[in-house]
Protein backbone atom coordinates (compact mmCIF):
# COMPACT_ATOMS: atom_id res chain seq x y z
CA MET A 1 -18.01 23.78 -52.61
CA LEU A 2 -18.55 27.04 -50.87
CA LYS A 3 -18.31 30.65 -51.67
CA LEU A 4 -18.61 34.22 -50.58
CA ASN A 5 -20.16 36.45 -53.18
CA PHE A 6 -19.29 40.04 -53.99
CA LYS A 7 -20.48 42.84 -56.20
CA PRO A 8 -19.46 46.51 -56.18
CA ILE A 9 -21.96 48.86 -54.63
CA PHE A 10 -20.20 52.01 -55.79
CA ALA A 11 -17.73 52.40 -58.62
CA THR A 12 -15.29 54.40 -56.53
CA ILE A 13 -15.01 54.83 -52.78
CA PRO A 14 -12.22 56.70 -50.98
CA LYS A 15 -9.64 54.35 -49.53
CA LYS A 16 -10.38 55.62 -46.04
CA LEU A 17 -13.97 54.74 -45.35
CA LYS A 18 -15.78 55.13 -42.07
CA ILE A 19 -19.08 53.49 -41.32
CA SER A 20 -20.75 55.07 -38.35
CA THR A 21 -23.39 52.48 -37.55
CA LEU A 22 -24.97 49.24 -38.60
CA PRO A 23 -28.43 48.05 -37.66
CA LEU A 24 -28.49 47.44 -33.91
CA SER A 25 -29.44 43.77 -34.18
CA VAL A 26 -26.41 43.11 -36.35
CA SER A 27 -23.93 45.41 -34.65
CA SER A 28 -24.64 44.19 -31.13
CA SER A 29 -24.24 40.57 -32.15
CA LEU A 30 -20.97 41.16 -33.95
CA GLN A 31 -19.46 43.31 -31.21
CA SER A 32 -19.36 40.30 -28.91
CA VAL A 33 -17.57 38.01 -31.37
CA ARG A 34 -15.36 40.36 -33.36
CA GLU A 35 -12.49 40.02 -30.88
CA ASN A 36 -12.30 36.30 -31.67
CA VAL A 37 -11.41 36.82 -35.33
CA SER A 38 -7.69 36.44 -35.86
CA ASN A 39 -5.62 39.21 -37.40
CA ASN A 40 -2.69 36.87 -37.99
CA LEU A 41 -3.51 36.38 -41.65
CA ILE A 42 -3.24 40.02 -42.58
CA THR A 43 -0.08 39.96 -44.61
CA SER A 44 0.22 41.97 -47.78
CA ILE A 45 1.26 39.61 -50.58
CA ASN A 46 1.98 40.78 -54.09
CA PRO A 47 -0.70 39.19 -56.31
CA LEU A 48 1.80 39.35 -59.18
CA SER A 49 4.03 36.83 -57.42
CA PRO A 50 4.15 33.35 -59.00
CA PRO A 51 1.30 31.09 -57.80
CA THR A 52 2.04 28.23 -55.45
CA SER A 53 -1.53 26.94 -55.06
CA ALA A 54 -3.95 25.14 -57.34
CA TYR A 55 -7.66 24.42 -57.09
CA ILE A 56 -8.99 21.40 -58.99
CA HIS A 57 -12.74 21.16 -59.55
CA LEU A 58 -14.27 17.69 -59.53
CA PRO A 59 -17.97 18.36 -60.23
CA PHE A 60 -19.53 14.96 -59.55
CA CYS A 61 -22.37 14.51 -57.05
CA ARG A 62 -24.95 11.81 -56.46
CA LYS A 63 -27.66 14.48 -56.63
CA ARG A 64 -27.99 18.25 -56.50
CA CYS A 65 -28.61 19.69 -53.04
CA HIS A 66 -31.54 22.08 -52.74
CA TYR A 67 -29.25 25.08 -52.11
CA CYS A 68 -26.65 24.32 -54.78
CA ASP A 69 -26.10 26.47 -57.89
CA PHE A 70 -22.59 25.26 -58.67
CA PRO A 71 -21.74 23.50 -61.94
CA ILE A 72 -22.04 19.80 -61.14
CA VAL A 73 -22.66 16.48 -62.83
CA ALA A 74 -25.30 14.40 -61.02
CA LEU A 75 -24.30 10.72 -61.24
CA GLY A 76 -27.32 9.16 -59.57
CA SER A 77 -27.64 6.94 -56.53
CA MET A 78 -25.47 3.97 -57.55
CA ASN A 79 -22.65 3.20 -55.14
CA GLN A 80 -19.75 2.32 -57.46
CA PHE A 81 -18.19 4.77 -59.91
CA GLU A 82 -14.87 3.05 -60.60
CA ASP A 83 -15.48 2.68 -64.34
CA ASP A 84 -17.97 5.49 -64.92
CA PRO A 85 -17.04 6.99 -68.31
CA ARG A 86 -18.31 10.41 -67.23
CA ILE A 87 -15.68 10.57 -64.50
CA ILE A 88 -12.91 9.00 -66.56
CA ASN A 89 -13.48 11.32 -69.53
CA TYR A 90 -13.60 14.39 -67.31
CA VAL A 91 -10.37 13.51 -65.51
CA GLN A 92 -8.69 13.03 -68.89
CA LEU A 93 -10.03 16.43 -69.94
CA ILE A 94 -8.77 18.23 -66.83
CA CYS A 95 -5.36 16.57 -67.25
CA ARG A 96 -5.26 17.91 -70.79
CA GLU A 97 -6.03 21.40 -69.48
CA ILE A 98 -3.23 21.19 -66.91
CA LYS A 99 -0.75 20.04 -69.54
CA ALA A 100 -1.80 22.85 -71.91
CA THR A 101 -1.41 25.51 -69.21
CA LYS A 102 1.98 27.15 -69.24
CA PRO A 103 3.46 28.30 -65.92
CA ILE A 104 3.26 32.09 -65.75
CA SER A 105 6.69 32.47 -64.22
CA THR A 106 10.13 31.50 -65.46
CA THR A 107 11.06 30.64 -61.87
CA ASN A 108 8.00 28.33 -61.67
CA PRO A 109 8.06 27.60 -57.90
CA PRO A 110 6.51 24.23 -57.01
CA LEU A 111 2.95 24.12 -55.74
CA GLU A 112 2.56 24.27 -51.98
CA THR A 113 -1.19 23.60 -51.75
CA LEU A 114 -3.63 21.57 -53.84
CA PHE A 115 -7.35 21.63 -53.17
CA PHE A 116 -9.78 19.16 -54.73
CA GLY A 117 -13.25 20.71 -54.48
CA GLY A 118 -16.56 20.08 -56.18
CA GLY A 119 -19.01 18.63 -56.43
CA THR A 120 -18.15 15.66 -54.28
CA PRO A 121 -14.53 14.77 -55.03
CA SER A 122 -14.70 11.66 -52.84
CA LEU A 123 -16.86 10.06 -55.55
CA VAL A 124 -13.85 10.07 -57.87
CA PRO A 125 -11.76 6.86 -57.68
CA PRO A 126 -8.42 7.47 -55.92
CA LYS A 127 -6.43 6.24 -58.94
CA LEU A 128 -7.94 9.08 -61.00
CA VAL A 129 -7.19 11.64 -58.27
CA SER A 130 -3.63 10.30 -58.33
CA SER A 131 -3.40 10.82 -62.09
CA ILE A 132 -4.27 14.51 -61.66
CA ILE A 133 -1.67 14.96 -58.93
CA GLN A 134 0.92 13.31 -61.18
CA VAL A 135 0.19 15.68 -64.07
CA LEU A 136 0.44 18.66 -61.71
CA LYS A 137 3.82 17.38 -60.52
CA GLU A 138 5.05 17.01 -64.08
CA ASN A 139 3.81 20.41 -65.24
CA PHE A 140 4.30 22.63 -62.19
CA GLY A 141 6.05 20.62 -59.54
CA VAL A 142 4.56 19.88 -56.12
CA CYS A 143 6.43 20.34 -52.84
CA SER A 144 7.14 17.15 -50.92
CA ASN A 145 5.33 18.64 -47.91
CA ALA A 146 2.49 20.27 -49.87
CA GLU A 147 -0.94 20.51 -48.27
CA ILE A 148 -3.24 18.32 -50.41
CA SER A 149 -6.88 18.73 -49.42
CA ILE A 150 -9.95 16.93 -50.68
CA GLU A 151 -13.63 17.47 -49.94
CA MET A 152 -15.49 14.32 -48.90
CA ASP A 153 -19.14 13.62 -48.17
CA PRO A 154 -20.51 11.01 -45.77
CA GLY A 155 -21.62 7.89 -47.58
CA THR A 156 -19.18 8.31 -50.48
CA PHE A 157 -16.12 6.58 -49.04
CA ASP A 158 -15.10 3.64 -46.90
CA GLU A 159 -11.95 2.62 -45.03
CA MET A 160 -10.28 1.36 -48.21
CA LYS A 161 -10.88 4.52 -50.21
CA MET A 162 -9.73 6.63 -47.27
CA ARG A 163 -6.52 4.62 -47.02
CA GLU A 164 -5.87 4.84 -50.77
CA LEU A 165 -6.30 8.62 -50.75
CA LEU A 166 -3.83 8.98 -47.90
CA GLU A 167 -1.34 6.72 -49.66
CA LEU A 168 -1.39 8.85 -52.82
CA GLY A 169 -0.57 11.99 -50.85
CA VAL A 170 -3.84 13.49 -49.57
CA ASN A 171 -3.09 14.88 -46.11
CA ARG A 172 -6.14 17.00 -45.36
CA VAL A 173 -9.87 16.21 -45.57
CA SER A 174 -12.87 18.53 -45.49
CA LEU A 175 -15.89 16.47 -44.38
CA GLY A 176 -19.25 17.87 -45.47
CA VAL A 177 -21.47 16.97 -42.53
CA GLN A 178 -23.64 20.12 -42.76
CA ALA A 179 -26.02 19.15 -39.92
CA PHE A 180 -26.45 16.56 -37.17
CA GLN A 181 -30.23 16.39 -37.54
CA GLN A 182 -31.79 13.89 -39.94
CA GLU A 183 -34.72 16.18 -40.71
CA LEU A 184 -32.44 19.05 -41.71
CA LEU A 185 -30.32 16.83 -43.95
CA LYS A 186 -33.49 15.69 -45.68
CA LYS A 187 -34.80 19.24 -46.09
CA CYS A 188 -31.49 20.22 -47.71
CA GLY A 189 -31.72 17.40 -50.22
CA ARG A 190 -28.47 15.93 -48.96
CA ALA A 191 -27.67 12.45 -50.28
CA HIS A 192 -26.48 11.23 -46.86
CA GLY A 193 -28.21 10.62 -43.57
CA LEU A 194 -27.22 10.93 -39.93
CA GLU A 195 -25.99 7.33 -39.67
CA GLU A 196 -23.61 7.94 -42.57
CA VAL A 197 -22.36 11.12 -40.84
CA HIS A 198 -21.27 9.17 -37.77
CA ASP A 199 -19.78 6.39 -39.91
CA ALA A 200 -17.76 8.92 -41.93
CA ILE A 201 -16.41 10.63 -38.81
CA GLY A 202 -15.37 7.24 -37.48
CA ILE A 203 -13.57 6.34 -40.72
CA VAL A 204 -11.65 9.61 -40.82
CA LYS A 205 -10.61 9.40 -37.17
CA SER A 206 -9.58 5.72 -37.36
CA SER A 207 -7.42 6.43 -40.41
CA GLY A 208 -4.94 8.32 -38.27
CA LEU A 209 -5.37 11.56 -40.23
CA GLU A 210 -5.07 14.52 -37.87
CA ASN A 211 -5.61 17.39 -40.29
CA TRP A 212 -9.31 17.30 -41.08
CA SER A 213 -12.19 19.75 -41.11
CA LEU A 214 -15.84 19.25 -40.24
CA ASP A 215 -18.21 21.52 -42.18
CA LEU A 216 -21.59 22.78 -40.96
CA ILE A 217 -24.32 25.02 -42.42
CA SER A 218 -26.38 27.44 -40.36
CA SER A 219 -29.64 29.29 -41.13
CA LEU A 220 -31.26 26.27 -42.78
CA PRO A 221 -35.06 26.13 -43.20
CA HIS A 222 -36.73 25.25 -39.88
CA GLN A 223 -33.37 25.20 -38.09
CA THR A 224 -33.61 26.35 -34.48
CA LEU A 225 -30.96 27.67 -32.11
CA GLU A 226 -31.31 24.43 -30.14
CA MET A 227 -30.54 22.39 -33.27
CA TRP A 228 -27.58 24.61 -34.07
CA GLU A 229 -26.25 24.31 -30.54
CA GLU A 230 -26.51 20.52 -30.78
CA SER A 231 -24.64 20.47 -34.09
CA LEU A 232 -21.85 22.64 -32.68
CA GLU A 233 -21.54 20.47 -29.58
CA LEU A 234 -21.40 17.27 -31.64
CA ALA A 235 -18.83 18.86 -33.94
CA VAL A 236 -16.64 19.68 -30.94
CA LYS A 237 -17.13 16.14 -29.61
CA ALA A 238 -15.88 14.73 -32.94
CA SER A 239 -12.58 16.57 -32.29
CA PRO A 240 -11.66 17.71 -35.80
CA THR A 241 -8.65 20.01 -36.01
CA HIS A 242 -10.66 22.45 -38.15
CA VAL A 243 -14.32 23.49 -38.32
CA SER A 244 -15.94 25.48 -41.10
CA VAL A 245 -19.29 27.14 -40.43
CA TYR A 246 -21.15 28.39 -43.48
CA ASP A 247 -24.34 30.41 -43.45
CA LEU A 248 -26.92 29.34 -46.02
CA GLN A 249 -27.07 31.34 -49.23
CA VAL A 250 -30.38 31.21 -51.06
CA GLU A 251 -29.54 31.44 -54.76
CA GLN A 252 -31.87 32.07 -57.66
CA GLY A 253 -32.48 29.00 -59.78
CA THR A 254 -32.07 26.55 -56.90
CA LYS A 255 -34.91 24.65 -55.25
CA PHE A 256 -34.49 26.78 -52.13
CA GLY A 257 -34.50 29.89 -54.31
CA ASN A 258 -37.86 28.85 -55.73
CA LEU A 259 -39.34 27.97 -52.35
CA TYR A 260 -38.01 30.55 -49.93
CA THR A 261 -37.33 34.25 -49.45
CA PRO A 262 -34.29 35.19 -47.33
CA GLY A 263 -35.29 36.49 -43.91
CA GLU A 264 -38.79 35.02 -44.09
CA PHE A 265 -40.07 31.87 -42.37
CA PRO A 266 -39.10 29.04 -42.50
CA LEU A 267 -35.71 30.68 -43.03
CA PRO A 268 -34.38 32.56 -40.00
CA SER A 269 -34.51 36.31 -39.69
CA GLU A 270 -31.37 38.42 -39.94
CA THR A 271 -31.28 38.65 -36.14
CA GLN A 272 -31.52 34.88 -35.82
CA SER A 273 -28.77 34.38 -38.42
CA ALA A 274 -26.54 36.71 -36.43
CA GLU A 275 -27.27 34.65 -33.32
CA PHE A 276 -26.19 31.49 -35.15
CA TYR A 277 -22.90 33.17 -36.04
CA LYS A 278 -22.43 34.47 -32.51
CA MET A 279 -23.12 31.04 -31.01
CA ALA A 280 -20.64 29.35 -33.34
CA SER A 281 -17.89 31.83 -32.52
CA LYS A 282 -18.40 31.53 -28.78
CA THR A 283 -18.82 27.75 -28.69
CA LEU A 284 -15.86 26.93 -30.90
CA SER A 285 -13.57 29.54 -29.37
CA LYS A 286 -14.37 28.17 -25.91
CA ALA A 287 -13.50 24.68 -27.18
CA GLY A 288 -10.02 25.84 -28.18
CA TYR A 289 -10.54 26.68 -31.83
CA GLU A 290 -9.01 29.86 -33.20
CA HIS A 291 -11.48 31.93 -35.24
CA TYR A 292 -8.95 32.70 -37.96
CA GLU A 293 -11.26 33.89 -40.70
CA ILE A 294 -14.95 34.65 -41.06
CA SER A 295 -16.22 31.08 -41.25
CA SER A 296 -13.15 29.04 -40.31
CA TYR A 297 -11.94 27.81 -36.94
CA CYS A 298 -8.92 25.66 -36.19
CA LYS A 299 -6.81 24.15 -33.48
CA LYS A 300 -3.33 25.64 -33.15
CA GLY A 301 -1.24 24.86 -36.19
CA TYR A 302 -4.13 23.64 -38.37
CA THR A 303 -5.14 26.62 -40.46
CA CYS A 304 -6.06 25.62 -43.99
CA LYS A 305 -3.01 26.82 -45.94
CA HIS A 306 -5.00 26.84 -49.17
CA ASN A 307 -7.61 29.16 -47.67
CA VAL A 308 -4.86 31.45 -46.42
CA THR A 309 -3.75 31.80 -50.06
CA TYR A 310 -7.04 33.53 -50.81
CA TRP A 311 -7.08 35.64 -47.68
CA GLN A 312 -3.59 36.93 -48.36
CA ASN A 313 -4.50 37.82 -51.94
CA ARG A 314 -1.96 35.42 -53.43
CA ALA A 315 -2.05 34.23 -57.02
CA PHE A 316 -3.35 30.69 -57.71
CA TYR A 317 -4.21 28.34 -60.54
CA GLY A 318 -7.67 26.89 -61.08
CA PHE A 319 -8.46 23.87 -63.23
CA GLY A 320 -11.72 22.28 -64.27
CA LEU A 321 -15.31 23.10 -65.08
CA GLY A 322 -16.29 26.62 -64.04
CA SER A 323 -13.11 27.16 -62.04
CA ALA A 324 -11.18 30.41 -61.89
CA SER A 325 -7.51 31.34 -61.67
CA TYR A 326 -6.09 34.49 -60.14
CA LEU A 327 -2.91 35.26 -62.06
CA GLY A 328 -1.04 38.47 -62.61
CA GLY A 329 -3.63 40.42 -60.62
CA MET A 330 -6.46 39.22 -62.89
CA ARG A 331 -9.13 36.61 -62.38
CA PHE A 332 -9.76 34.14 -65.23
CA SER A 333 -12.83 31.95 -65.42
CA ARG A 334 -13.59 28.76 -67.32
CA PRO A 335 -16.95 27.80 -68.87
CA LYS A 336 -19.54 26.34 -66.52
CA LYS A 337 -21.11 24.04 -69.10
CA MET A 338 -19.32 20.83 -70.01
CA LYS A 339 -19.55 21.18 -73.79
CA GLU A 340 -18.16 24.71 -73.64
CA TYR A 341 -15.44 23.64 -71.23
CA MET A 342 -14.41 20.86 -73.63
CA GLY A 343 -14.12 23.44 -76.39
CA TYR A 344 -12.11 25.69 -74.08
CA VAL A 345 -9.57 22.95 -73.40
CA GLN A 346 -9.29 22.13 -77.10
CA ASP A 347 -8.70 25.78 -77.94
CA LEU A 348 -6.14 26.01 -75.16
CA GLU A 349 -4.28 23.05 -76.62
CA ASP A 350 -4.44 24.60 -80.09
CA GLY A 351 -3.11 27.90 -78.77
CA ASP A 352 -6.21 29.69 -80.04
CA LYS A 353 -7.53 30.95 -76.74
CA CYS A 354 -6.24 32.52 -73.58
CA PRO A 355 -8.22 32.22 -70.35
CA ARG A 356 -11.13 34.66 -70.41
CA PRO A 357 -10.58 37.44 -67.86
CA VAL A 358 -13.50 38.43 -65.70
CA LYS A 359 -14.08 42.18 -65.66
CA ARG A 360 -11.53 43.78 -63.36
CA ARG A 361 -12.91 45.87 -60.56
CA GLY A 362 -11.97 49.44 -59.74
CA SER A 363 -9.12 50.37 -57.44
CA SER A 364 -11.41 50.35 -54.44
CA PHE A 365 -15.06 49.92 -53.70
CA ALA A 366 -17.37 49.04 -50.88
CA VAL A 367 -19.09 45.72 -50.70
CA PHE A 368 -21.57 44.43 -48.21
CA ILE A 369 -21.23 40.92 -46.90
CA HIS A 370 -24.28 39.38 -45.27
CA GLU A 371 -23.81 37.38 -42.10
CA LYS A 372 -24.75 34.76 -44.62
CA TYR A 373 -21.15 35.24 -45.64
CA ARG A 374 -20.45 31.88 -47.18
CA ARG A 375 -22.08 28.55 -47.76
CA ARG A 376 -21.07 25.08 -48.57
CA CYS A 377 -22.01 23.18 -51.66
CA HIS A 378 -18.52 21.99 -52.18
CA ASN A 379 -16.42 24.81 -53.43
CA MET A 380 -16.61 25.98 -56.93
CA ASN A 381 -13.08 27.03 -56.75
CA ARG A 382 -12.49 27.98 -53.34
CA ALA A 383 -12.25 31.63 -54.05
CA THR A 384 -10.42 34.62 -55.21
CA SER A 385 -9.69 37.37 -52.81
CA SER A 386 -8.83 40.97 -52.20
CA SER A 387 -7.37 42.49 -49.11
CA GLY A 388 -9.53 44.81 -47.11
CA SER A 389 -10.90 45.85 -43.76
CA LEU A 390 -13.94 44.59 -41.94
CA LEU A 391 -15.82 47.38 -40.24
CA VAL A 392 -18.28 47.04 -37.39
CA GLY A 393 -19.75 50.38 -36.42
CA GLU A 394 -16.87 52.68 -35.40
CA ASN A 395 -14.66 49.68 -34.71
CA GLN A 396 -12.44 48.32 -37.42
CA ILE A 397 -11.29 44.73 -37.62
CA ASP A 398 -8.53 44.18 -40.12
CA THR A 399 -9.22 41.12 -42.19
CA GLU A 400 -8.97 39.67 -45.62
CA VAL A 401 -12.04 39.23 -47.76
CA GLU A 402 -12.33 35.98 -49.63
CA GLU A 403 -14.33 35.82 -52.82
CA ARG A 404 -15.68 32.42 -53.73
CA GLN A 405 -15.12 31.68 -57.36
CA SER A 406 -18.01 31.28 -59.74
CA LYS A 407 -20.13 34.29 -58.82
CA ASP A 408 -19.76 38.06 -58.92
CA SER A 409 -23.00 38.76 -57.06
CA VAL A 410 -23.08 40.08 -53.53
CA ASP A 411 -24.94 38.95 -50.50
CA LYS A 412 -25.61 42.22 -48.72
CA ARG A 413 -26.19 42.61 -45.04
CA THR A 414 -24.05 42.15 -42.01
CA TYR A 415 -20.47 43.12 -42.78
CA VAL A 416 -18.99 46.04 -44.63
CA ALA A 417 -15.63 45.69 -46.31
CA VAL A 418 -13.42 47.81 -48.48
CA GLN A 419 -11.52 46.01 -51.18
CA HIS A 420 -8.37 47.26 -52.82
CA PHE A 421 -6.84 45.73 -55.92
């Protein structure tokens, strides 16, 4: 579950904004990679149009990673969760929420993308994932060729589970590798090791699934450029059709937040973080991947359609603990604590409560986006977005700005964007 965080710097900024310079270390690094970022996604979509995408949050993990501040439920280290009442009860709860949610449009177009994020959705038994898809079909409709994505972690699935997920309609996988160095995985508090990484890649590739993403994190504690280069090379060797590269976000309240200060050793400096970004863009572009948004790269024809929903400022539904919907030009969030979320669903069923709108931003404002633009701890609702422009010195790169759901804070450094609602 990954996110890009935003927060207004000024209440009102003129719609035409020029930024003359950025710090040299940042500007010079970005100048050499900015031409790789695709402009193909820049299509103005009316956010009032009926949603055709849905994010479903499955919060279960074996343990909490050291960088994670998302709402999760830690299940422990046991290997089988088929009959875990915590998972069963939650899936029943999220199905109740879906059933109690009325389509916002009388035309009610069927859903074109579903995204199961978390958490670690691959811990959830396929039959329960199937039950959620079925309720979505009954309540909203799902296109026969819909993109159905699920986030999976090494060590949480085998050949049988992979096959069952594909049989129920999953046709895209996001594999959370994060690093190809055992020591870095351990420092992150990841529940998997390097052997499980290679096993997971083998399972995905042998399944026959073509549309899959491999996810990496840069700017980890003690990570060197040599380590990052190795991870990128091994990612290319694995031949996924999509690669996501997230820069570590150090959040307050996490173990990393208690141990480290951004920009200070053992975390990389801002210049080093920019070098990580630059290396990823060059390496992956050279390997034939299109750099189609800030942290996403894909082979031709394999953009993540669900991600494009956010980048094009389209409306979408969100379901589950802490998730957010973007409907009618407004973002609506759900409680992040399970007891409060249970009460929310009950109130929704009783007709006593409408989704709680997050404070709407002004018509335009400037936000800074660090080169630590996004990070992966399994999507807490893969985002809401606003259209804007990415500025590098005097040069302007048109782009869309994705806002990861669950936070309104901003990570300020490398990029400058102007958002317009």
